[in-house]
Amino acid sequence: MSFRRTWSRFRSASRTLGPTPGVREAWHQGRRWYHVSLLVVDEDPAVAERVRRVSRALAPWIEPLAVDQPHVTVWVHGFDPPEPHPELGARVPVEIGRVGSFTSCPFLEVRSEAIRRLREGCAGREERWAGYLPHLTVGRYAADTSIDVLLPELRPWRRLPPIRTEGRLVLAAVDAFDPGGSFRVLEPPTPACAASPRGAG
């Protein structure tokens, strides 16, 4: 996948994809916590401000995610606790760029040569149903909306300059019951801790 191709596919679609009742429940089957390796970029106020501005501009059409948890998914492990990544805790350079969009959610483009290496270090099969494209999700579309309505709102954010910053690799437990995708970083990051993330929410 590439950002150019993803944007082209979005433009050629007719409508966004809002939440489908029952899909989340069929996926988690009552299991609350699933595990992901993330690059968290929560220490850069410029990134938080960019997420906040884009989220505010798209507020009529999206359910925003928490501004205080900006992150880039590296690997989706699933509901079984994984082995911790050998580079857990490493800080790597990333560029947070302009706005792009899937039909399910708008995002900020992310570029980093380190992400490929980090993904190669992840163990086990990834729980993924589409090709991987590093991105920072801004929110999720709240309903099926005409792409023609959204394009004029998104285009001004296609000219944003990149923010050069760092991400820190963590293992996190994500709340499958929460549509907003809240998560808790697992510290110390061991399978025993991942199995029962107390106090997460």
C-alpha atoms as a PDB file:
ATOM      1  CA  MET A   1       0.000   0.000   0.000  1.00  0.00           C
ATOM      2  CA  SER A   2       1.056   3.602  -0.520  1.00  0.00           C
ATOM      3  CA  PHE A   3      -0.340   6.932   0.633  1.00  0.00           C
ATOM      4  CA  ARG A   4      -0.929   8.062  -2.951  1.00  0.00           C
ATOM      5  CA  ARG A   5      -2.894   4.923  -3.820  1.00  0.00           C
ATOM      6  CA  THR A   6      -4.872   5.069  -0.578  1.00  0.00           C
ATOM      7  CA  TRP A   7      -5.887   8.685  -1.234  1.00  0.00           C
ATOM      8  CA  SER A   8      -6.859   7.810  -4.808  1.00  0.00           C
ATOM      9  CA  ARG A   9      -9.045   4.940  -3.573  1.00  0.00           C
ATOM     10  CA  PHE A  10     -10.692   7.205  -1.043  1.00  0.00           C
ATOM     11  CA  ARG A  11     -11.466   9.841  -3.674  1.00  0.00           C
ATOM     12  CA  SER A  12     -12.974   7.236  -5.993  1.00  0.00           C
ATOM     13  CA  ALA A  13     -15.229   5.760  -3.291  1.00  0.00           C
ATOM     14  CA  SER A  14     -18.781   7.027  -3.016  1.00  0.00           C
ATOM     15  CA  ARG A  15     -19.231   7.085   0.761  1.00  0.00           C
ATOM     16  CA  THR A  16     -17.367   6.589   4.034  1.00  0.00           C
ATOM     17  CA  LEU A  17     -17.976   3.523   6.172  1.00  0.00           C
ATOM     18  CA  GLY A  18     -19.561   4.294   9.520  1.00  0.00           C
ATOM     19  CA  PRO A  19     -19.812   1.721  12.338  1.00  0.00           C
ATOM     20  CA  THR A  20     -21.861  -1.400  11.567  1.00  0.00           C
ATOM     21  CA  PRO A  21     -23.958  -2.623  14.518  1.00  0.00           C
ATOM     22  CA  GLY A  22     -22.811  -5.967  15.868  1.00  0.00           C
ATOM     23  CA  VAL A  23     -19.476  -6.130  14.060  1.00  0.00           C
ATOM     24  CA  ARG A  24     -17.383  -5.192  17.105  1.00  0.00           C
ATOM     25  CA  GLU A  25     -19.207  -7.709  19.302  1.00  0.00           C
ATOM     26  CA  ALA A  26     -18.776 -10.486  16.724  1.00  0.00           C
ATOM     27  CA  TRP A  27     -15.070  -9.679  16.603  1.00  0.00           C
ATOM     28  CA  HIS A  28     -14.215  -9.586  20.305  1.00  0.00           C
ATOM     29  CA  GLN A  29     -16.651 -12.382  21.364  1.00  0.00           C
ATOM     30  CA  GLY A  30     -16.620 -11.094  24.921  1.00  0.00           C
ATOM     31  CA  ARG A  31     -12.831 -10.838  25.123  1.00  0.00           C
ATOM     32  CA  ARG A  32     -11.914  -7.404  26.429  1.00  0.00           C
ATOM     33  CA  TRP A  33      -8.164  -6.884  25.935  1.00  0.00           C
ATOM     34  CA  TYR A  34      -6.175  -7.300  22.749  1.00  0.00           C
ATOM     35  CA  HIS A  35      -2.502  -6.546  22.334  1.00  0.00           C
ATOM     36  CA  VAL A  36      -0.619  -4.242  20.008  1.00  0.00           C
ATOM     37  CA  SER A  37       2.898  -2.938  19.575  1.00  0.00           C
ATOM     38  CA  LEU A  38       2.738   0.838  19.197  1.00  0.00           C
ATOM     39  CA  LEU A  39       4.972   3.808  18.614  1.00  0.00           C
ATOM     40  CA  VAL A  40       3.622   6.416  21.028  1.00  0.00           C
ATOM     41  CA  VAL A  41       4.328  10.050  20.160  1.00  0.00           C
ATOM     42  CA  ASP A  42       2.669  11.615  23.196  1.00  0.00           C
ATOM     43  CA  GLU A  43       5.614  13.802  24.208  1.00  0.00           C
ATOM     44  CA  ASP A  44       5.472  16.187  21.250  1.00  0.00           C
ATOM     45  CA  PRO A  45       3.014  19.083  21.648  1.00  0.00           C
ATOM     46  CA  ALA A  46       3.213  19.853  17.915  1.00  0.00           C
ATOM     47  CA  VAL A  47       1.799  16.413  17.093  1.00  0.00           C
ATOM     48  CA  ALA A  48      -0.973  16.742  19.668  1.00  0.00           C
ATOM     49  CA  GLU A  49      -1.875  20.172  18.306  1.00  0.00           C
ATOM     50  CA  ARG A  50      -2.025  18.869  14.726  1.00  0.00           C
ATOM     51  CA  VAL A  51      -4.321  16.036  15.771  1.00  0.00           C
ATOM     52  CA  ARG A  52      -6.474  18.505  17.718  1.00  0.00           C
ATOM     53  CA  ARG A  53      -6.797  20.939  14.787  1.00  0.00           C
ATOM     54  CA  VAL A  54      -7.688  18.276  12.236  1.00  0.00           C
ATOM     55  CA  SER A  55     -10.097  16.609  14.651  1.00  0.00           C
ATOM     56  CA  ARG A  56     -11.814  19.933  15.298  1.00  0.00           C
ATOM     57  CA  ALA A  57     -12.148  20.639  11.561  1.00  0.00           C
ATOM     58  CA  LEU A  58     -13.715  17.220  10.926  1.00  0.00           C
ATOM     59  CA  ALA A  59     -15.854  17.187  14.086  1.00  0.00           C
ATOM     60  CA  PRO A  60     -19.224  17.056  12.240  1.00  0.00           C
ATOM     61  CA  TRP A  61     -18.266  13.756  10.586  1.00  0.00           C
ATOM     62  CA  ILE A  62     -16.003  11.834  12.977  1.00  0.00           C
ATOM     63  CA  GLU A  63     -15.836  10.328  16.418  1.00  0.00           C
ATOM     64  CA  PRO A  64     -12.464  11.712  17.587  1.00  0.00           C
ATOM     65  CA  LEU A  65      -9.854   9.665  19.402  1.00  0.00           C
ATOM     66  CA  ALA A  66      -8.099  10.829  22.556  1.00  0.00           C
ATOM     67  CA  VAL A  67      -5.626  13.605  21.722  1.00  0.00           C
ATOM     68  CA  ASP A  68      -3.415  12.561  24.644  1.00  0.00           C
ATOM     69  CA  GLN A  69      -2.791   9.113  23.107  1.00  0.00           C
ATOM     70  CA  PRO A  70      -1.312   9.780  19.637  1.00  0.00           C
ATOM     71  CA  HIS A  71       0.272   6.582  18.380  1.00  0.00           C
ATOM     72  CA  VAL A  72       1.238   4.569  15.324  1.00  0.00           C
ATOM     73  CA  THR A  73       0.341   0.892  15.286  1.00  0.00           C
ATOM     74  CA  VAL A  74       3.352  -1.274  14.451  1.00  0.00           C
ATOM     75  CA  TRP A  75       1.800  -4.749  14.895  1.00  0.00           C
ATOM     76  CA  VAL A  76      -1.580  -6.127  15.966  1.00  0.00           C
ATOM     77  CA  HIS A  77      -0.907  -9.239  18.053  1.00  0.00           C
ATOM     78  CA  GLY A  78      -4.508 -10.106  18.938  1.00  0.00           C
ATOM     79  CA  PHE A  79      -6.102 -11.323  22.159  1.00  0.00           C
ATOM     80  CA  ASP A  80      -3.356 -13.741  23.217  1.00  0.00           C
ATOM     81  CA  PRO A  81      -0.456 -12.080  25.109  1.00  0.00           C
ATOM     82  CA  PRO A  82       2.614 -11.913  22.828  1.00  0.00           C
ATOM     83  CA  GLU A  83       6.310 -12.138  23.466  1.00  0.00           C
ATOM     84  CA  PRO A  84       7.688  -8.613  24.047  1.00  0.00           C
ATOM     85  CA  HIS A  85       9.536  -7.069  21.120  1.00  0.00           C
ATOM     86  CA  PRO A  86      13.348  -7.228  21.501  1.00  0.00           C
ATOM     87  CA  GLU A  87      13.534  -3.451  20.932  1.00  0.00           C
ATOM     88  CA  LEU A  88      10.770  -2.578  23.386  1.00  0.00           C
ATOM     89  CA  GLY A  89      11.343   0.912  24.762  1.00  0.00           C
ATOM     90  CA  ALA A  90      13.447   2.005  21.782  1.00  0.00           C
ATOM     91  CA  ARG A  91      12.949   5.531  20.461  1.00  0.00           C
ATOM     92  CA  VAL A  92      12.926   5.887  16.684  1.00  0.00           C
ATOM     93  CA  PRO A  93      12.587   8.894  14.359  1.00  0.00           C
ATOM     94  CA  VAL A  94       9.242   9.399  12.621  1.00  0.00           C
ATOM     95  CA  GLU A  95       7.692  12.067  10.414  1.00  0.00           C
ATOM     96  CA  ILE A  96       4.062  12.990  11.019  1.00  0.00           C
ATOM     97  CA  GLY A  97       2.718  14.441   7.804  1.00  0.00           C
ATOM     98  CA  ARG A  98      -0.417  15.544   6.021  1.00  0.00           C
ATOM     99  CA  VAL A  99      -3.952  14.202   6.213  1.00  0.00           C
ATOM    100  CA  GLY A 100      -4.998  11.099   4.299  1.00  0.00           C
ATOM    101  CA  SER A 101      -8.037   8.903   4.675  1.00  0.00           C
ATOM    102  CA  PHE A 102      -9.360   5.389   4.497  1.00  0.00           C
ATOM    103  CA  THR A 103     -13.116   5.071   4.019  1.00  0.00           C
ATOM    104  CA  SER A 104     -13.301   4.172   7.717  1.00  0.00           C
ATOM    105  CA  CYS A 105     -11.141   6.933   9.205  1.00  0.00           C
ATOM    106  CA  PRO A 106      -9.026  10.028   8.488  1.00  0.00           C
ATOM    107  CA  PHE A 107      -5.382   9.868   9.509  1.00  0.00           C
ATOM    108  CA  LEU A 108      -2.019  11.635   9.439  1.00  0.00           C
ATOM    109  CA  GLU A 109       0.583  10.096   7.157  1.00  0.00           C
ATOM    110  CA  VAL A 110       3.585   8.602   8.987  1.00  0.00           C
ATOM    111  CA  ARG A 111       6.995   7.953   7.456  1.00  0.00           C
ATOM    112  CA  SER A 112       9.852   6.159   9.176  1.00  0.00           C
ATOM    113  CA  GLU A 113      12.541   3.835   7.862  1.00  0.00           C
ATOM    114  CA  ALA A 114      12.618   2.193  11.303  1.00  0.00           C
ATOM    115  CA  ILE A 115       9.058   0.839  11.188  1.00  0.00           C
ATOM    116  CA  ARG A 116       9.892  -1.887   8.670  1.00  0.00           C
ATOM    117  CA  ARG A 117      12.676  -3.140  10.966  1.00  0.00           C
ATOM    118  CA  LEU A 118      10.395  -3.054  14.001  1.00  0.00           C
ATOM    119  CA  ARG A 119       7.712  -5.042  12.177  1.00  0.00           C
ATOM    120  CA  GLU A 120      10.271  -7.656  11.182  1.00  0.00           C
ATOM    121  CA  GLY A 121      11.081  -8.097  14.876  1.00  0.00           C
ATOM    122  CA  CYS A 122       7.483  -8.899  15.866  1.00  0.00           C
ATOM    123  CA  ALA A 123       6.720 -12.527  16.626  1.00  0.00           C
ATOM    124  CA  GLY A 124       3.664 -14.505  15.599  1.00  0.00           C
ATOM    125  CA  ARG A 125       0.926 -13.970  13.024  1.00  0.00           C
ATOM    126  CA  GLU A 126      -0.499 -10.468  12.764  1.00  0.00           C
ATOM    127  CA  GLU A 127      -4.241  -9.989  13.212  1.00  0.00           C
ATOM    128  CA  ARG A 128      -4.733  -7.800  10.151  1.00  0.00           C
ATOM    129  CA  TRP A 129      -7.298  -7.785   7.338  1.00  0.00           C
ATOM    130  CA  ALA A 130      -5.747  -5.162   5.062  1.00  0.00           C
ATOM    131  CA  GLY A 131      -2.286  -4.159   3.890  1.00  0.00           C
ATOM    132  CA  TYR A 132      -0.099  -2.267   6.351  1.00  0.00           C
ATOM    133  CA  LEU A 133       0.318   1.501   6.011  1.00  0.00           C
ATOM    134  CA  PRO A 134       1.858   3.426   8.932  1.00  0.00           C
ATOM    135  CA  HIS A 135      -0.523   6.175  10.035  1.00  0.00           C
ATOM    136  CA  LEU A 136      -1.786   8.106  13.032  1.00  0.00           C
ATOM    137  CA  THR A 137      -5.581   7.850  13.238  1.00  0.00           C
ATOM    138  CA  VAL A 138      -7.412  11.124  13.920  1.00  0.00           C
ATOM    139  CA  GLY A 139     -10.870   9.631  14.430  1.00  0.00           C
ATOM    140  CA  ARG A 140     -13.419   7.263  12.953  1.00  0.00           C
ATOM    141  CA  TYR A 141     -16.195   8.267  10.593  1.00  0.00           C
ATOM    142  CA  ALA A 142     -19.407   8.350  12.589  1.00  0.00           C
ATOM    143  CA  ALA A 143     -21.718   7.539   9.676  1.00  0.00           C
ATOM    144  CA  ASP A 144     -21.864   6.788   5.971  1.00  0.00           C
ATOM    145  CA  THR A 145     -21.112  10.191   4.448  1.00  0.00           C
ATOM    146  CA  SER A 146     -20.681  11.255   0.834  1.00  0.00           C
ATOM    147  CA  ILE A 147     -17.004  11.517  -0.127  1.00  0.00           C
ATOM    148  CA  ASP A 148     -17.913  14.593  -2.187  1.00  0.00           C
ATOM    149  CA  VAL A 149     -18.935  16.344   1.036  1.00  0.00           C
ATOM    150  CA  LEU A 150     -15.666  15.476   2.786  1.00  0.00           C
ATOM    151  CA  LEU A 151     -13.141  16.229   0.057  1.00  0.00           C
ATOM    152  CA  PRO A 152     -13.359  20.058   0.368  1.00  0.00           C
ATOM    153  CA  GLU A 153     -12.876  19.707   4.133  1.00  0.00           C
ATOM    154  CA  LEU A 154      -9.871  17.414   3.808  1.00  0.00           C
ATOM    155  CA  ARG A 155      -7.971  19.122   0.975  1.00  0.00           C
ATOM    156  CA  PRO A 156      -6.612  22.083   3.038  1.00  0.00           C
ATOM    157  CA  TRP A 157      -4.979  19.562   5.387  1.00  0.00           C
ATOM    158  CA  ARG A 158      -3.216  17.879   2.469  1.00  0.00           C
ATOM    159  CA  ARG A 159      -0.642  20.697   2.439  1.00  0.00           C
ATOM    160  CA  LEU A 160       0.707  20.266   5.978  1.00  0.00           C
ATOM    161  CA  PRO A 161       4.508  20.152   6.350  1.00  0.00           C
ATOM    162  CA  PRO A 162       6.035  17.129   8.113  1.00  0.00           C
ATOM    163  CA  ILE A 163       6.721  17.191  11.838  1.00  0.00           C
ATOM    164  CA  ARG A 164       9.982  15.409  12.638  1.00  0.00           C
ATOM    165  CA  THR A 165       9.715  13.748  16.012  1.00  0.00           C
ATOM    166  CA  GLU A 166      10.270  10.439  17.835  1.00  0.00           C
ATOM    167  CA  GLY A 167       8.107   7.479  18.730  1.00  0.00           C
ATOM    168  CA  ARG A 168       8.682   5.090  21.632  1.00  0.00           C
ATOM    169  CA  LEU A 169       7.969   1.388  21.056  1.00  0.00           C
ATOM    170  CA  VAL A 170       5.591  -0.025  23.673  1.00  0.00           C
ATOM    171  CA  LEU A 171       3.403  -3.067  24.167  1.00  0.00           C
ATOM    172  CA  ALA A 172      -0.167  -2.047  24.969  1.00  0.00           C
ATOM    173  CA  ALA A 173      -3.491  -3.629  25.862  1.00  0.00           C
ATOM    174  CA  VAL A 174      -6.386  -2.078  23.937  1.00  0.00           C
ATOM    175  CA  ASP A 175      -9.933  -2.114  25.300  1.00  0.00           C
ATOM    176  CA  ALA A 176     -11.958  -4.014  22.685  1.00  0.00           C
ATOM    177  CA  PHE A 177     -15.189  -2.841  24.358  1.00  0.00           C
ATOM    178  CA  ASP A 178     -14.330   0.824  23.742  1.00  0.00           C
ATOM    179  CA  PRO A 179     -15.080   2.131  20.208  1.00  0.00           C
ATOM    180  CA  GLY A 180     -12.525   4.885  20.873  1.00  0.00           C
ATOM    181  CA  GLY A 181      -9.729   2.329  21.216  1.00  0.00           C
ATOM    182  CA  SER A 182      -8.394   3.441  24.612  1.00  0.00           C
ATOM    183  CA  PHE A 183      -5.303   1.523  25.697  1.00  0.00           C
ATOM    184  CA  ARG A 184      -2.921   1.002  28.565  1.00  0.00           C
ATOM    185  CA  VAL A 185       0.828   0.632  28.139  1.00  0.00           C
ATOM    186  CA  LEU A 186       1.935  -2.613  29.787  1.00  0.00           C
ATOM    187  CA  GLU A 187       4.765  -1.931  32.219  1.00  0.00           C
ATOM    188  CA  PRO A 188       6.701  -4.035  32.946  1.00  0.00           C
ATOM    189  CA  PRO A 189       6.004  -5.396  29.457  1.00  0.00           C
ATOM    190  CA  THR A 190       5.802  -9.147  30.090  1.00  0.00           C
ATOM    191  CA  PRO A 191       3.242 -11.732  28.986  1.00  0.00           C
ATOM    192  CA  ALA A 192       2.130 -12.115  32.616  1.00  0.00           C
ATOM    193  CA  CYS A 193       1.268  -8.428  32.823  1.00  0.00           C
ATOM    194  CA  ALA A 194      -0.332  -8.424  29.405  1.00  0.00           C
ATOM    195  CA  ALA A 195      -2.685 -11.207  30.426  1.00  0.00           C
ATOM    196  CA  SER A 196      -4.339  -9.111  33.120  1.00  0.00           C
ATOM    197  CA  PRO A 197      -3.931  -5.347  32.514  1.00  0.00           C
ATOM    198  CA  ARG A 198      -5.282  -4.127  35.835  1.00  0.00           C
ATOM    199  CA  GLY A 199      -6.674  -0.659  35.979  1.00  0.00           C
ATOM    200  CA  ALA A 200      -6.784  -0.276  32.223  1.00  0.00           C
ATOM    201  CA  GLY A 201      -9.498   1.862  30.759  1.00  0.00           C
END
